[in-house]
């Protein structure tokens, strides 16, 4: 792990150091620079990040509350494993939240916003065709987040932001599977077209169908970290991390 980039300090000079450390470690977990099962040692983290142990301890405690870290007697704090039940529970919540957001978006989206959503849909399809894992992950996040924002429902937006880090963590895993790219590309076009129709029921159904199918395709592959499938999937991401680290 590298030291915290100066940009993270400069973006908000009044942000508590513990929050900056929390955000940085969380991003490292989501990006798989810290793999599931990795032990977090306060002293080593503090030295690597160039901070004292107190903000690191506070950050780890918050990560535990968020479900990204597990503390066990004798082992300390470790990165939480992937878990099929947790993934299923998360998608059950998405099954309620995102179709509602898509329905509201169909009614409230402006022509300009619809053009932006189309741009994001095309960008996502181009990312799939390129096979570039990094672009796919980024485009996936942008597409889904924008639909929620276009709902203009603050309660849905707040709820989405609350689960977004966990969604990104599982999305990193899922978007590394290039066998899903063709399926995902068609699904996102269906969602865009349903919102373009400005039909609330159709938009909700398209979003619900997408989440349901994706859950069925992926949940049986979400196991504990020591399984062969997880390890194979992580190896598929090696090229991304090699490129990313070279550009740091």
Protein backbone atom coordinates (compact mmCIF):
# COMPACT_ATOMS: atom_id res chain seq x y z
CA UNK A 1 0.00 0.00 0.00
CA UNK A 2 1.33 3.44 -0.95
CA UNK A 3 1.04 6.55 1.20
CA UNK A 4 -2.15 8.59 0.98
CA UNK A 5 -2.13 10.79 -2.16
CA UNK A 6 -1.91 14.54 -1.38
CA UNK A 7 -5.06 15.03 -3.46
CA UNK A 8 -7.12 13.31 -0.77
CA UNK A 9 -5.93 15.86 1.77
CA UNK A 10 -6.38 18.83 -0.55
CA UNK A 11 -9.93 17.98 -1.62
CA UNK A 12 -11.21 18.80 1.85
CA UNK A 13 -8.62 20.30 4.23
CA UNK A 14 -11.13 20.16 7.11
CA UNK A 15 -11.92 16.47 6.72
CA UNK A 16 -10.88 14.43 9.80
CA UNK A 17 -7.76 12.36 9.23
CA UNK A 18 -9.56 9.18 10.31
CA UNK A 19 -12.12 9.75 7.53
CA UNK A 20 -9.37 10.21 4.95
CA UNK A 21 -7.65 7.01 6.11
CA UNK A 22 -11.00 5.19 6.06
CA UNK A 23 -11.73 6.33 2.51
CA UNK A 24 -8.27 5.35 1.31
CA UNK A 25 -8.32 1.86 2.85
CA UNK A 26 -11.88 1.33 1.61
CA UNK A 27 -10.82 2.15 -1.96
CA UNK A 28 -7.91 -0.26 -1.64
CA UNK A 29 -10.33 -3.00 -0.54
CA UNK A 30 -12.78 -2.27 -3.35
CA UNK A 31 -9.96 -2.25 -5.92
CA UNK A 32 -8.66 -5.58 -4.57
CA UNK A 33 -5.29 -4.17 -3.62
CA UNK A 34 -6.20 -5.68 -0.27
CA UNK A 35 -7.65 -9.12 -0.91
CA UNK A 36 -10.32 -10.83 1.21
CA UNK A 37 -8.68 -12.48 4.21
CA UNK A 38 -5.79 -9.99 4.38
CA UNK A 39 -4.87 -9.08 7.95
CA UNK A 40 -4.84 -5.38 8.82
CA UNK A 41 -2.06 -4.50 11.24
CA UNK A 42 -2.39 -1.02 12.72
CA UNK A 43 1.32 -0.35 13.13
CA UNK A 44 2.19 -1.40 9.57
CA UNK A 45 -0.69 0.55 8.08
CA UNK A 46 0.21 3.66 10.06
CA UNK A 47 3.81 3.49 8.89
CA UNK A 48 2.85 2.84 5.27
CA UNK A 49 0.34 5.70 5.22
CA UNK A 50 2.50 8.12 7.13
CA UNK A 51 0.01 8.67 9.96
CA UNK A 52 -0.32 7.74 13.62
CA UNK A 53 -2.10 4.59 14.78
CA UNK A 54 -5.14 6.43 16.13
CA UNK A 55 -6.74 7.38 12.77
CA UNK A 56 -5.91 3.90 11.46
CA UNK A 57 -7.65 2.31 14.44
CA UNK A 58 -10.69 4.55 13.98
CA UNK A 59 -10.78 3.75 10.26
CA UNK A 60 -10.63 0.00 10.90
CA UNK A 61 -13.44 0.26 13.46
CA UNK A 62 -15.59 2.08 10.90
CA UNK A 63 -14.77 -0.50 8.23
CA UNK A 64 -15.91 -3.18 10.65
CA UNK A 65 -19.24 -1.37 11.12
CA UNK A 66 -19.56 -1.10 7.33
CA UNK A 67 -19.03 -4.84 6.91
CA UNK A 68 -15.69 -4.66 5.10
CA UNK A 69 -13.61 -5.89 8.03
CA UNK A 70 -14.11 -8.74 10.49
CA UNK A 71 -12.48 -8.89 13.91
CA UNK A 72 -11.93 -12.27 15.54
CA UNK A 73 -10.14 -13.21 18.79
CA UNK A 74 -6.54 -14.16 18.15
CA UNK A 75 -6.59 -13.01 14.52
CA UNK A 76 -7.35 -9.32 14.81
CA UNK A 77 -8.88 -7.44 11.89
CA UNK A 78 -9.06 -9.05 8.45
CA UNK A 79 -10.72 -8.05 5.18
CA UNK A 80 -14.17 -9.64 5.09
CA UNK A 81 -14.59 -12.57 2.68
CA UNK A 82 -17.01 -12.73 -0.18
CA UNK A 83 -20.18 -14.39 0.99
CA UNK A 84 -23.00 -15.82 -1.12
CA UNK A 85 -25.65 -14.94 1.47
CA UNK A 86 -24.42 -11.36 1.78
CA UNK A 87 -24.38 -10.96 -2.01
CA UNK A 88 -27.91 -12.36 -2.21
CA UNK A 89 -29.14 -10.01 0.56
CA UNK A 90 -27.53 -7.02 -1.16
CA UNK A 91 -29.17 -7.85 -4.48
CA UNK A 92 -32.52 -8.35 -2.77
CA UNK A 93 -32.23 -4.77 -1.55
CA UNK A 94 -31.17 -3.61 -5.01
CA UNK A 95 -34.20 -5.49 -6.38
CA UNK A 96 -36.38 -3.06 -4.46
CA UNK A 97 -34.31 0.13 -4.70
CA UNK A 98 -33.09 0.29 -8.31
CA UNK A 99 -36.39 -0.54 -10.05
CA UNK A 100 -38.03 2.23 -8.01
CA UNK A 101 -35.26 4.60 -9.08
CA UNK A 102 -35.62 3.56 -12.74
CA UNK A 103 -39.37 4.14 -12.53
CA UNK A 104 -38.95 7.61 -11.08
CA UNK A 105 -36.24 8.37 -13.65
CA UNK A 106 -38.61 7.43 -16.48
CA UNK A 107 -41.04 10.06 -15.21
CA UNK A 108 -38.58 12.78 -14.16
CA UNK A 109 -35.59 12.59 -16.49
CA UNK A 110 -35.03 15.61 -18.74
CA UNK A 111 -34.14 15.41 -22.41
CA UNK A 112 -30.61 16.55 -21.60
CA UNK A 113 -30.26 13.90 -18.90
CA UNK A 114 -31.64 11.28 -21.28
CA UNK A 115 -28.90 12.21 -23.74
CA UNK A 116 -26.31 11.82 -21.00
CA UNK A 117 -27.74 8.42 -20.04
CA UNK A 118 -27.53 7.35 -23.68
CA UNK A 119 -23.89 8.47 -23.72
CA UNK A 120 -23.20 6.35 -20.62
CA UNK A 121 -25.01 3.39 -22.20
CA UNK A 122 -22.88 3.60 -25.34
CA UNK A 123 -19.71 4.06 -23.28
CA UNK A 124 -20.59 0.95 -21.31
CA UNK A 125 -21.14 -1.06 -24.49
CA UNK A 126 -17.82 0.15 -25.90
CA UNK A 127 -16.11 -0.86 -22.66
CA UNK A 128 -17.59 -4.35 -22.96
CA UNK A 129 -16.42 -4.65 -26.56
CA UNK A 130 -12.92 -3.50 -25.68
CA UNK A 131 -12.70 -6.13 -22.95
CA UNK A 132 -10.96 -3.57 -20.74
CA UNK A 133 -11.84 -4.52 -17.19
CA UNK A 134 -11.02 -1.10 -15.77
CA UNK A 135 -13.31 0.68 -18.25
CA UNK A 136 -16.12 -1.81 -17.68
CA UNK A 137 -16.01 -1.35 -13.91
CA UNK A 138 -16.00 2.44 -14.19
CA UNK A 139 -18.77 2.54 -16.81
CA UNK A 140 -20.94 0.11 -14.81
CA UNK A 141 -20.75 2.31 -11.73
CA UNK A 142 -21.50 5.48 -13.69
CA UNK A 143 -24.51 3.98 -15.51
CA UNK A 144 -26.29 2.69 -12.42
CA UNK A 145 -25.49 5.69 -10.25
CA UNK A 146 -26.76 8.12 -12.88
CA UNK A 147 -30.13 6.39 -13.15
CA UNK A 148 -30.55 6.69 -9.39
CA UNK A 149 -29.59 10.38 -9.52
CA UNK A 150 -32.13 10.94 -12.31
CA UNK A 151 -34.86 9.59 -10.03
CA UNK A 152 -34.56 12.90 -8.14
CA UNK A 153 -35.74 11.05 -5.05
CA UNK A 154 -33.43 12.00 -2.19
CA UNK A 155 -34.37 8.97 -0.11
CA UNK A 156 -33.52 6.54 -2.90
CA UNK A 157 -30.30 8.43 -3.60
CA UNK A 158 -29.27 8.33 0.06
CA UNK A 159 -30.06 4.62 0.30
CA UNK A 160 -28.05 3.91 -2.85
CA UNK A 161 -25.05 5.85 -1.55
CA UNK A 162 -25.21 3.82 1.65
CA UNK A 163 -24.79 0.48 -0.14
CA UNK A 164 -22.65 1.72 -3.03
CA UNK A 165 -19.28 0.67 -1.52
CA UNK A 166 -20.47 -2.92 -1.05
CA UNK A 167 -21.97 -2.94 -4.55
CA UNK A 168 -18.67 -1.76 -6.00
CA UNK A 169 -16.82 -4.52 -4.18
CA UNK A 170 -19.00 -7.24 -5.66
CA UNK A 171 -19.12 -5.43 -9.01
CA UNK A 172 -15.33 -5.57 -9.22
CA UNK A 173 -15.59 -9.33 -8.92
CA UNK A 174 -18.47 -9.72 -11.38
CA UNK A 175 -17.19 -7.37 -14.09
CA UNK A 176 -13.92 -9.29 -14.16
CA UNK A 177 -15.88 -12.15 -15.78
CA UNK A 178 -15.74 -11.38 -19.50
CA UNK A 179 -18.22 -14.19 -20.18
CA UNK A 180 -20.93 -11.87 -18.84
CA UNK A 181 -20.13 -8.90 -21.09
CA UNK A 182 -22.53 -9.75 -23.91
CA UNK A 183 -25.35 -10.40 -21.46
CA UNK A 184 -24.71 -7.21 -19.51
CA UNK A 185 -24.51 -5.05 -22.63
CA UNK A 186 -27.98 -6.09 -23.80
CA UNK A 187 -29.43 -5.65 -20.32
CA UNK A 188 -28.25 -2.07 -20.01
CA UNK A 189 -29.66 -1.15 -23.41
CA UNK A 190 -33.02 -2.58 -22.33
CA UNK A 191 -32.95 -0.41 -19.21
CA UNK A 192 -32.05 2.71 -21.19
CA UNK A 193 -34.78 2.09 -23.77
CA UNK A 194 -37.38 1.54 -21.06
CA UNK A 195 -36.52 4.89 -19.46
CA UNK A 196 -36.56 6.55 -22.88
CA UNK A 197 -40.17 5.36 -23.24
CA UNK A 198 -40.97 7.31 -20.08
CA UNK A 199 -43.07 4.41 -18.88
CA UNK A 200 -42.68 3.86 -15.14
CA UNK A 201 -43.88 0.25 -15.12
CA UNK A 202 -41.71 -0.79 -18.08
CA UNK A 203 -38.62 0.86 -16.57
CA UNK A 204 -39.18 -0.84 -13.23
CA UNK A 205 -39.65 -4.21 -14.93
CA UNK A 206 -36.47 -3.83 -17.00
CA UNK A 207 -34.39 -2.95 -13.95
CA UNK A 208 -35.95 -5.74 -11.89
CA UNK A 209 -35.27 -8.26 -14.65
CA UNK A 210 -31.64 -7.18 -14.90
CA UNK A 211 -30.94 -7.57 -11.19
CA UNK A 212 -32.80 -10.88 -10.99
CA UNK A 213 -30.90 -12.40 -13.93
CA UNK A 214 -27.55 -11.10 -12.72
CA UNK A 215 -28.16 -12.52 -9.25
CA UNK A 216 -29.00 -15.92 -10.70
CA UNK A 217 -25.94 -15.93 -12.95
CA UNK A 218 -23.49 -14.80 -10.28
CA UNK A 219 -24.58 -15.84 -6.81
CA UNK A 220 -23.52 -19.48 -7.16
CA UNK A 221 -19.98 -18.31 -7.93
CA UNK A 222 -19.66 -16.16 -4.80
CA UNK A 223 -17.92 -18.39 -2.28
CA UNK A 224 -15.41 -17.95 0.52
CA UNK A 225 -12.05 -16.51 -0.46
CA UNK A 226 -10.12 -19.77 -0.50
CA UNK A 227 -12.18 -21.33 -3.29
CA UNK A 228 -10.77 -21.94 -6.74
CA UNK A 229 -13.36 -19.74 -8.44
CA UNK A 230 -12.43 -16.69 -6.41
CA UNK A 231 -8.74 -17.27 -7.06
CA UNK A 232 -9.33 -17.73 -10.79
CA UNK A 233 -11.37 -14.53 -10.92
CA UNK A 234 -8.69 -12.59 -9.09
CA UNK A 235 -6.09 -13.82 -11.58
CA UNK A 236 -8.25 -12.41 -14.37
CA UNK A 237 -7.77 -9.00 -12.77
CA UNK A 238 -3.97 -9.15 -12.67
CA UNK A 239 -3.54 -7.20 -15.90
CA UNK A 240 -5.70 -4.39 -14.56
CA UNK A 241 -3.72 -4.07 -11.35
CA UNK A 242 -0.39 -4.27 -13.18
CA UNK A 243 -1.40 -1.38 -15.42
CA UNK A 244 -2.93 0.59 -12.57
CA UNK A 245 0.10 0.30 -10.33
CA UNK A 246 2.43 1.24 -13.19
CA UNK A 247 0.48 4.47 -13.67
CA UNK A 248 0.63 5.50 -10.00
